[in-house]
PDB file of N, CA and C in Angstrom:
ATOM      1  N   MET A   1       5.828   0.412  57.739  1.00  0.00           N
ATOM      2  CA  MET A   1       6.104   0.104  56.433  1.00  0.00           C
ATOM      3  C   MET A   1       5.109  -0.751  55.698  1.00  0.00           C
ATOM      4  N   LEU A   2       4.539  -1.748  56.497  1.00  0.00           N
ATOM      5  CA  LEU A   2       3.564  -2.584  55.908  1.00  0.00           C
ATOM      6  C   LEU A   2       2.242  -1.853  55.723  1.00  0.00           C
ATOM      7  N   ALA A   3       1.899  -0.928  56.717  1.00  0.00           N
ATOM      8  CA  ALA A   3       0.678  -0.174  56.519  1.00  0.00           C
ATOM      9  C   ALA A   3       0.767   0.783  55.349  1.00  0.00           C
ATOM     10  N   THR A   4       1.992   1.300  55.103  1.00  0.00           N
ATOM     11  CA  THR A   4       2.111   2.259  53.836  1.00  0.00           C
ATOM     12  C   THR A   4       2.023   1.492  52.651  1.00  0.00           C
ATOM     13  N   ALA A   5       2.586   0.281  52.541  1.00  0.00           N
ATOM     14  CA  ALA A   5       2.493  -0.626  51.373  1.00  0.00           C
ATOM     15  C   ALA A   5       1.032  -1.005  51.158  1.00  0.00           C
ATOM     16  N   LEU A   6       0.328  -1.304  52.145  1.00  0.00           N
ATOM     17  CA  LEU A   6      -1.090  -1.728  52.062  1.00  0.00           C
ATOM     18  C   LEU A   6      -1.980  -0.509  51.558  1.00  0.00           C
ATOM     19  N   VAL A   7      -1.699   0.714  52.101  1.00  0.00           N
ATOM     20  CA  VAL A   7      -2.387   1.857  51.682  1.00  0.00           C
ATOM     21  C   VAL A   7      -2.127   2.085  50.147  1.00  0.00           C
ATOM     22  N   LEU A   8      -0.915   2.095  49.805  1.00  0.00           N
ATOM     23  CA  LEU A   8      -0.525   2.354  48.386  1.00  0.00           C
ATOM     24  C   LEU A   8      -1.143   1.292  47.416  1.00  0.00           C
ATOM     25  N   TYR A   9      -1.137   0.077  47.898  1.00  0.00           N
ATOM     26  CA  TYR A   9      -1.703  -1.082  47.136  1.00  0.00           C
ATOM     27  C   TYR A   9      -3.222  -0.779  46.856  1.00  0.00           C
ATOM     28  N   THR A  10      -3.862  -0.458  47.889  1.00  0.00           N
ATOM     29  CA  THR A  10      -5.298  -0.163  47.929  1.00  0.00           C
ATOM     30  C   THR A  10      -5.659   0.986  46.990  1.00  0.00           C
ATOM     31  N   LEU A  11      -4.975   2.056  47.216  1.00  0.00           N
ATOM     32  CA  LEU A  11      -5.075   3.246  46.220  1.00  0.00           C
ATOM     33  C   LEU A  11      -4.880   2.916  44.810  1.00  0.00           C
ATOM     34  N   GLY A  12      -3.816   2.082  44.603  1.00  0.00           N
ATOM     35  CA  GLY A  12      -3.620   1.579  43.157  1.00  0.00           C
ATOM     36  C   GLY A  12      -4.772   0.842  42.635  1.00  0.00           C
ATOM     37  N   ASN A  13      -5.316  -0.012  43.404  1.00  0.00           N
ATOM     38  CA  ASN A  13      -6.312  -0.809  42.997  1.00  0.00           C
ATOM     39  C   ASN A  13      -7.555  -0.036  42.674  1.00  0.00           C
ATOM     40  N   LEU A  14      -7.981   0.916  43.639  1.00  0.00           N
ATOM     41  CA  LEU A  14      -9.070   1.793  43.498  1.00  0.00           C
ATOM     42  C   LEU A  14      -8.954   2.673  42.210  1.00  0.00           C
ATOM     43  N   SER A  15      -7.701   3.176  41.954  1.00  0.00           N
ATOM     44  CA  SER A  15      -7.520   4.015  40.765  1.00  0.00           C
ATOM     45  C   SER A  15      -7.672   3.144  39.444  1.00  0.00           C
ATOM     46  N   MET A  16      -7.265   1.888  39.556  1.00  0.00           N
ATOM     47  CA  MET A  16      -7.396   0.968  38.382  1.00  0.00           C
ATOM     48  C   MET A  16      -8.945   0.715  38.074  1.00  0.00           C
ATOM     49  N   ILE A  17      -9.639   0.526  39.080  1.00  0.00           N
ATOM     50  CA  ILE A  17     -11.040   0.381  38.966  1.00  0.00           C
ATOM     51  C   ILE A  17     -11.704   1.501  38.297  1.00  0.00           C
ATOM     52  N   ALA A  18     -11.431   2.765  38.736  1.00  0.00           N
ATOM     53  CA  ALA A  18     -11.940   3.927  38.165  1.00  0.00           C
ATOM     54  C   ALA A  18     -11.467   4.149  36.631  1.00  0.00           C
ATOM     55  N   LEU A  19     -10.224   3.764  36.388  1.00  0.00           N
ATOM     56  CA  LEU A  19      -9.729   3.925  35.092  1.00  0.00           C
ATOM     57  C   LEU A  19     -10.431   2.877  34.120  1.00  0.00           C
ATOM     58  N   MET A  20     -10.603   1.670  34.562  1.00  0.00           N
ATOM     59  CA  MET A  20     -11.335   0.635  33.883  1.00  0.00           C
ATOM     60  C   MET A  20     -12.662   1.067  33.467  1.00  0.00           C
ATOM     61  N   ARG A  21     -13.375   1.735  34.450  1.00  0.00           N
ATOM     62  CA  ARG A  21     -14.785   2.146  34.222  1.00  0.00           C
ATOM     63  C   ARG A  21     -14.817   3.230  33.035  1.00  0.00           C
ATOM     64  N   THR A  22     -13.862   4.150  33.262  1.00  0.00           N
ATOM     65  CA  THR A  22     -13.866   5.224  32.197  1.00  0.00           C
ATOM     66  C   THR A  22     -13.318   4.984  30.868  1.00  0.00           C
ATOM     67  N   SER A  23     -12.272   4.117  30.804  1.00  0.00           N
ATOM     68  CA  SER A  23     -11.642   4.013  29.467  1.00  0.00           C
ATOM     69  C   SER A  23     -11.541   2.632  28.977  1.00  0.00           C
ATOM     70  N   GLY A  24     -11.866   1.635  29.645  1.00  0.00           N
ATOM     71  CA  GLY A  24     -11.896   0.252  29.223  1.00  0.00           C
ATOM     72  C   GLY A  24     -10.695  -0.473  29.610  1.00  0.00           C
ATOM     73  N   LEU A  25     -10.779  -1.802  29.669  1.00  0.00           N
ATOM     74  CA  LEU A  25      -9.812  -2.631  30.164  1.00  0.00           C
ATOM     75  C   LEU A  25      -8.417  -2.444  29.531  1.00  0.00           C
ATOM     76  N   SER A  26      -8.494  -2.554  28.186  1.00  0.00           N
ATOM     77  CA  SER A  26      -7.227  -2.604  27.403  1.00  0.00           C
ATOM     78  C   SER A  26      -6.312  -1.392  27.697  1.00  0.00           C
ATOM     79  N   LEU A  27      -6.971  -0.189  27.643  1.00  0.00           N
ATOM     80  CA  LEU A  27      -6.232   1.047  28.006  1.00  0.00           C
ATOM     81  C   LEU A  27      -5.779   1.126  29.390  1.00  0.00           C
ATOM     82  N   ALA A  28      -6.530   0.530  30.279  1.00  0.00           N
ATOM     83  CA  ALA A  28      -6.152   0.589  31.736  1.00  0.00           C
ATOM     84  C   ALA A  28      -4.931  -0.294  31.963  1.00  0.00           C
ATOM     85  N   ILE A  29      -4.925  -1.472  31.354  1.00  0.00           N
ATOM     86  CA  ILE A  29      -3.858  -2.396  31.627  1.00  0.00           C
ATOM     87  C   ILE A  29      -2.530  -1.801  30.900  1.00  0.00           C
ATOM     88  N   SER A  30      -2.699  -1.236  29.789  1.00  0.00           N
ATOM     89  CA  SER A  30      -1.533  -0.627  29.141  1.00  0.00           C
ATOM     90  C   SER A  30      -0.989   0.567  29.886  1.00  0.00           C
ATOM     91  N   LEU A  31      -1.908   1.364  30.494  1.00  0.00           N
ATOM     92  CA  LEU A  31      -1.436   2.449  31.295  1.00  0.00           C
ATOM     93  C   LEU A  31      -0.733   1.949  32.514  1.00  0.00           C
ATOM     94  N   SER A  32      -1.258   0.924  33.134  1.00  0.00           N
ATOM     95  CA  SER A  32      -0.702   0.340  34.338  1.00  0.00           C
ATOM     96  C   SER A  32       0.797  -0.173  33.973  1.00  0.00           C
ATOM     97  N   SER A  33       0.909  -0.885  32.941  1.00  0.00           N
ATOM     98  CA  SER A  33       2.047  -1.589  32.482  1.00  0.00           C
ATOM     99  C   SER A  33       3.201  -0.443  32.317  1.00  0.00           C
ATOM    100  N   VAL A  34       2.829   0.592  31.608  1.00  0.00           N
ATOM    101  CA  VAL A  34       3.819   1.684  31.400  1.00  0.00           C
ATOM    102  C   VAL A  34       4.159   2.434  32.711  1.00  0.00           C
ATOM    103  N   ALA A  35       3.203   2.619  33.458  1.00  0.00           N
ATOM    104  CA  ALA A  35       3.416   3.357  34.764  1.00  0.00           C
ATOM    105  C   ALA A  35       4.372   2.411  35.665  1.00  0.00           C
ATOM    106  N   GLN A  36       4.143   1.268  35.626  1.00  0.00           N
ATOM    107  CA  GLN A  36       5.091   0.306  36.437  1.00  0.00           C
ATOM    108  C   GLN A  36       6.474   0.332  35.930  1.00  0.00           C
ATOM    109  N   LEU A  37       6.540   0.284  34.502  1.00  0.00           N
ATOM    110  CA  LEU A  37       7.816   0.358  33.836  1.00  0.00           C
ATOM    111  C   LEU A  37       8.611   1.685  34.217  1.00  0.00           C
ATOM    112  N   ILE A  38       7.924   2.803  34.301  1.00  0.00           N
ATOM    113  CA  ILE A  38       8.611   4.040  34.520  1.00  0.00           C
ATOM    114  C   ILE A  38       9.007   4.060  36.131  1.00  0.00           C
ATOM    115  N   ALA A  39       7.988   3.569  36.867  1.00  0.00           N
ATOM    116  CA  ALA A  39       8.276   3.620  38.344  1.00  0.00           C
ATOM    117  C   ALA A  39       9.546   2.685  38.646  1.00  0.00           C
ATOM    118  N   ILE A  40       9.506   1.526  38.188  1.00  0.00           N
ATOM    119  CA  ILE A  40      10.657   0.594  38.429  1.00  0.00           C
ATOM    120  C   ILE A  40      11.993   1.109  37.959  1.00  0.00           C
ATOM    121  N   ASN A  41      11.973   1.691  36.818  1.00  0.00           N
ATOM    122  CA  ASN A  41      13.215   2.298  36.284  1.00  0.00           C
ATOM    123  C   ASN A  41      13.654   3.550  37.066  1.00  0.00           C
ATOM    124  N   ALA A  42      12.672   4.282  37.486  1.00  0.00           N
ATOM    125  CA  ALA A  42      13.034   5.501  38.420  1.00  0.00           C
ATOM    126  C   ALA A  42      13.636   5.087  39.595  1.00  0.00           C
ATOM    127  N   ILE A  43      13.082   4.059  40.277  1.00  0.00           N
ATOM    128  CA  ILE A  43      13.541   3.568  41.532  1.00  0.00           C
ATOM    129  C   ILE A  43      14.922   2.973  41.375  1.00  0.00           C
ATOM    130  N   ALA A  44      15.191   2.241  40.217  1.00  0.00           N
ATOM    131  CA  ALA A  44      16.553   1.615  39.931  1.00  0.00           C
ATOM    132  C   ALA A  44      17.513   2.665  39.814  1.00  0.00           C
ATOM    133  N   VAL A  45      17.223   3.763  39.048  1.00  0.00           N
ATOM    134  CA  VAL A  45      18.210   4.950  38.746  1.00  0.00           C
ATOM    135  C   VAL A  45      18.416   5.643  40.067  1.00  0.00           C
ATOM    136  N   LEU A  46      17.252   6.100  40.677  1.00  0.00           N
ATOM    137  CA  LEU A  46      17.474   7.027  41.782  1.00  0.00           C
ATOM    138  C   LEU A  46      17.914   6.376  43.129  1.00  0.00           C
ATOM    139  N   VAL A  47      17.475   5.100  43.374  1.00  0.00           N
ATOM    140  CA  VAL A  47      17.733   4.537  44.681  1.00  0.00           C
ATOM    141  C   VAL A  47      19.045   3.632  44.548  1.00  0.00           C
ATOM    142  N   PHE A  48      19.067   2.895  43.549  1.00  0.00           N
ATOM    143  CA  PHE A  48      20.212   1.934  43.493  1.00  0.00           C
ATOM    144  C   PHE A  48      21.363   2.305  42.471  1.00  0.00           C
ATOM    145  N   ASP A  49      21.284   3.497  42.151  1.00  0.00           N
ATOM    146  CA  ASP A  49      22.293   4.044  41.154  1.00  0.00           C
ATOM    147  C   ASP A  49      22.574   3.216  39.918  1.00  0.00           C
ATOM    148  N   GLU A  50      21.504   2.792  39.437  1.00  0.00           N
ATOM    149  CA  GLU A  50      21.614   1.863  38.137  1.00  0.00           C
ATOM    150  C   GLU A  50      21.735   2.947  36.887  1.00  0.00           C
ATOM    151  N   ARG A  51      22.206   2.455  35.859  1.00  0.00           N
ATOM    152  CA  ARG A  51      22.273   3.338  34.618  1.00  0.00           C
ATOM    153  C   ARG A  51      21.567   2.561  33.547  1.00  0.00           C
ATOM    154  N   LEU A  52      20.684   3.270  32.829  1.00  0.00           N
ATOM    155  CA  LEU A  52      19.964   2.627  31.691  1.00  0.00           C
ATOM    156  C   LEU A  52      20.903   2.729  30.479  1.00  0.00           C
ATOM    157  N   GLY A  53      21.012   1.596  29.895  1.00  0.00           N
ATOM    158  CA  GLY A  53      21.622   1.566  28.605  1.00  0.00           C
ATOM    159  C   GLY A  53      20.732   2.204  27.452  1.00  0.00           C
ATOM    160  N   TRP A  54      21.228   2.312  26.335  1.00  0.00           N
ATOM    161  CA  TRP A  54      20.398   2.955  25.280  1.00  0.00           C
ATOM    162  C   TRP A  54      19.263   1.914  24.926  1.00  0.00           C
ATOM    163  N   HIS A  55      19.433   0.732  24.964  1.00  0.00           N
ATOM    164  CA  HIS A  55      18.312  -0.258  24.711  1.00  0.00           C
ATOM    165  C   HIS A  55      17.177  -0.032  25.676  1.00  0.00           C
ATOM    166  N   GLN A  56      17.449   0.014  26.951  1.00  0.00           N
ATOM    167  CA  GLN A  56      16.512   0.234  27.984  1.00  0.00           C
ATOM    168  C   GLN A  56      15.817   1.665  27.948  1.00  0.00           C
ATOM    169  N   GLY A  57      16.679   2.646  27.559  1.00  0.00           N
ATOM    170  CA  GLY A  57      16.119   3.926  27.363  1.00  0.00           C
ATOM    171  C   GLY A  57      15.113   4.044  26.229  1.00  0.00           C
ATOM    172  N   VAL A  58      15.518   3.442  25.051  1.00  0.00           N
ATOM    173  CA  VAL A  58      14.681   3.396  23.981  1.00  0.00           C
ATOM    174  C   VAL A  58      13.357   2.640  24.245  1.00  0.00           C
ATOM    175  N   GLY A  59      13.425   1.517  25.084  1.00  0.00           N
ATOM    176  CA  GLY A  59      12.327   0.720  25.392  1.00  0.00           C
ATOM    177  C   GLY A  59      11.325   1.573  26.267  1.00  0.00           C
ATOM    178  N   VAL A  60      11.867   2.320  27.162  1.00  0.00           N
ATOM    179  CA  VAL A  60      10.934   3.215  28.068  1.00  0.00           C
ATOM    180  C   VAL A  60      10.298   4.249  27.263  1.00  0.00           C
ATOM    181  N   LEU A  61      11.042   4.886  26.371  1.00  0.00           N
ATOM    182  CA  LEU A  61      10.507   5.913  25.442  1.00  0.00           C
ATOM    183  C   LEU A  61       9.497   5.309  24.531  1.00  0.00           C
ATOM    184  N   LEU A  62       9.640   4.140  23.969  1.00  0.00           N
ATOM    185  CA  LEU A  62       8.664   3.440  23.115  1.00  0.00           C
ATOM    186  C   LEU A  62       7.445   3.208  23.954  1.00  0.00           C
ATOM    187  N   GLY A  63       7.594   2.721  25.140  1.00  0.00           N
ATOM    188  CA  GLY A  63       6.460   2.450  25.979  1.00  0.00           C
ATOM    189  C   GLY A  63       5.586   3.680  26.238  1.00  0.00           C
ATOM    190  N   ILE A  64       6.331   4.768  26.489  1.00  0.00           N
ATOM    191  CA  ILE A  64       5.588   5.961  26.752  1.00  0.00           C
ATOM    192  C   ILE A  64       4.892   6.504  25.555  1.00  0.00           C
ATOM    193  N   ALA A  65       5.648   6.400  24.297  1.00  0.00           N
ATOM    194  CA  ALA A  65       4.999   6.819  23.078  1.00  0.00           C
ATOM    195  C   ALA A  65       3.721   5.923  22.743  1.00  0.00           C
ATOM    196  N   SER A  66       3.839   4.654  22.997  1.00  0.00           N
ATOM    197  CA  SER A  66       2.659   3.818  22.730  1.00  0.00           C
ATOM    198  C   SER A  66       1.531   4.178  23.427  1.00  0.00           C
ATOM    199  N   VAL A  67       1.651   4.349  24.676  1.00  0.00           N
ATOM    200  CA  VAL A  67       0.497   4.747  25.568  1.00  0.00           C
ATOM    201  C   VAL A  67      -0.020   6.073  25.200  1.00  0.00           C
ATOM    202  N   THR A  68       0.893   6.982  24.875  1.00  0.00           N
ATOM    203  CA  THR A  68       0.473   8.390  24.526  1.00  0.00           C
ATOM    204  C   THR A  68      -0.426   8.292  23.149  1.00  0.00           C
ATOM    205  N   LEU A  69       0.066   7.494  22.284  1.00  0.00           N
ATOM    206  CA  LEU A  69      -0.794   7.319  20.993  1.00  0.00           C
ATOM    207  C   LEU A  69      -2.072   6.634  21.188  1.00  0.00           C
ATOM    208  N   MET A  70      -2.175   5.716  22.167  1.00  0.00           N
ATOM    209  CA  MET A  70      -3.391   5.069  22.573  1.00  0.00           C
ATOM    210  C   MET A  70      -4.412   6.100  23.208  1.00  0.00           C
ATOM    211  N   VAL A  71      -3.915   6.908  24.092  1.00  0.00           N
ATOM    212  CA  VAL A  71      -4.747   7.860  24.650  1.00  0.00           C
ATOM    213  C   VAL A  71      -5.228   8.952  23.693  1.00  0.00           C
ATOM    214  N   ILE A  72      -4.427   9.351  22.837  1.00  0.00           N
ATOM    215  CA  ILE A  72      -4.705  10.341  21.853  1.00  0.00           C
ATOM    216  C   ILE A  72      -5.666   9.847  20.850  1.00  0.00           C
ATOM    217  N   GLY A  73      -5.538   8.582  20.323  1.00  0.00           N
ATOM    218  CA  GLY A  73      -6.264   8.119  19.167  1.00  0.00           C
ATOM    219  C   GLY A  73      -7.320   7.080  19.654  1.00  0.00           C
TER     220      GLY A  73
END
């Protein structure tokens, strides 16, 4: 389990370095934040049987929309 976590952590850091080189720090951090938001909510819903309220659902959608607008424009 520890080795898997270490490999995933290393791959995440290497992908962040590549993303920062190509698109800049601000976009890379924003993409990372929204990716973490989506991953954490997906784990909460799928693994722990949590339910997102409408406030949380709107927050996730706004996060996705904001990063999409940043990438487009």
